[in-house]
Protein backbone atom coordinates (compact mmCIF):
# COMPACT_ATOMS: atom_id res chain seq x y z
CA MET A 1 -103.87 72.00 88.02
CA PRO A 2 -107.48 72.16 89.52
CA CYS A 3 -110.74 72.13 87.13
CA LYS A 4 -112.02 75.20 88.53
CA GLN A 5 -109.05 76.96 87.42
CA ALA A 6 -109.17 74.78 84.38
CA THR A 7 -112.39 76.44 83.17
CA LEU A 8 -111.52 79.89 84.08
CA LEU A 9 -108.38 79.22 81.84
CA ILE A 10 -110.63 78.19 79.08
CA GLU A 11 -112.77 81.20 78.92
CA GLN A 12 -110.23 83.33 79.42
CA GLN A 13 -108.47 81.35 76.21
CA ASN A 14 -111.95 81.97 74.50
CA ALA A 15 -112.07 85.22 75.27
CA GLY A 16 -108.47 86.53 74.54
CA GLU A 17 -104.62 85.00 74.52
CA ILE A 18 -103.26 83.32 77.56
CA PRO A 19 -99.55 83.45 78.58
CA PHE A 20 -97.42 80.44 76.80
CA PHE A 21 -97.28 78.44 80.17
CA GLN A 22 -100.94 78.66 81.06
CA LYS A 23 -101.58 76.90 77.73
CA ILE A 24 -99.40 74.38 78.00
CA ARG A 25 -101.05 73.51 81.55
CA LEU A 26 -104.51 73.48 80.32
CA ARG A 27 -103.66 71.37 77.23
CA LEU A 28 -102.34 69.11 79.91
CA HIS A 29 -105.21 69.02 82.05
CA LEU A 30 -107.28 68.70 79.27
CA MET A 31 -105.24 65.20 77.72
CA ILE A 32 -106.45 64.01 81.83
CA CYS A 33 -109.61 65.20 82.36
CA LYS A 34 -112.64 64.27 80.39
CA TRP A 35 -114.98 66.49 82.34
CA CYS A 36 -112.71 69.89 81.36
CA ARG A 37 -112.59 68.56 77.90
CA ALA A 38 -116.08 68.51 77.72
CA TYR A 39 -116.69 72.08 79.14
CA ASN A 40 -114.00 73.13 76.26
CA ARG A 41 -116.06 71.25 73.46
CA LYS A 42 -119.06 72.87 74.77
CA VAL A 43 -117.57 76.34 75.26
CA HIS A 44 -116.50 76.45 71.68
CA ALA A 45 -119.69 75.12 69.98
CA MET A 46 -121.69 77.47 72.11
CA GLU A 47 -119.06 80.07 70.86
CA SER A 48 -119.39 79.18 67.00
CA MET A 49 -123.00 79.24 67.21
CA MET A 50 -123.18 82.97 68.48
CA LYS A 51 -120.88 83.71 66.30
CA LYS A 52 -123.09 82.66 63.37
CA ILE A 53 -126.24 84.54 64.91
CA PHE A 54 -124.71 87.81 65.69
CA THR A 55 -122.66 88.02 62.54
CA GLN A 56 -125.71 87.48 60.03
CA ASP A 57 -127.44 90.23 58.35
CA ALA A 58 -130.61 90.82 59.65
CA PRO A 59 -133.04 91.16 57.22
CA GLU A 60 -135.21 94.16 57.26
CA LYS A 61 -138.71 93.26 59.45
CA PHE A 62 -140.33 96.85 58.27
CA SER A 63 -141.01 98.48 55.15
CA LYS A 64 -140.49 101.94 54.39
CA ASN A 65 -144.27 102.29 54.40
CA GLU A 66 -144.58 100.84 57.89
CA LEU A 67 -142.30 102.92 59.50
CA GLU A 68 -143.54 105.92 58.10
CA LEU A 69 -147.00 104.81 59.60
CA PHE A 70 -145.49 104.07 62.85
CA LYS A 71 -144.03 107.65 63.22
CA ASP A 72 -147.23 109.44 62.27
CA LYS A 73 -148.82 107.51 64.79
CA LEU A 74 -146.58 108.38 67.33
CA LYS A 75 -146.47 111.88 66.69
CA ASP A 76 -150.58 111.94 66.78
CA LYS A 77 -149.97 110.30 70.43
CA LEU A 78 -147.82 112.97 71.31
CA LYS A 79 -149.74 115.88 70.44
């Protein structure tokens, strides 16, 4: 399997499920190719970092008073 196909399978596996036969071929390729193994590790690391960033509850950045003040100023400018 060429590396180009292996990286595509890594991305597909990360996005969802790949067929059993393709999964076996990918595992065999990853055992042999150090470049694709490194790519696989980086993809998984980036995915876990992104999950941490996007699943954290975002703190409320503005108070209710600030939002009301902003709305009032916006209404005044629109008049």
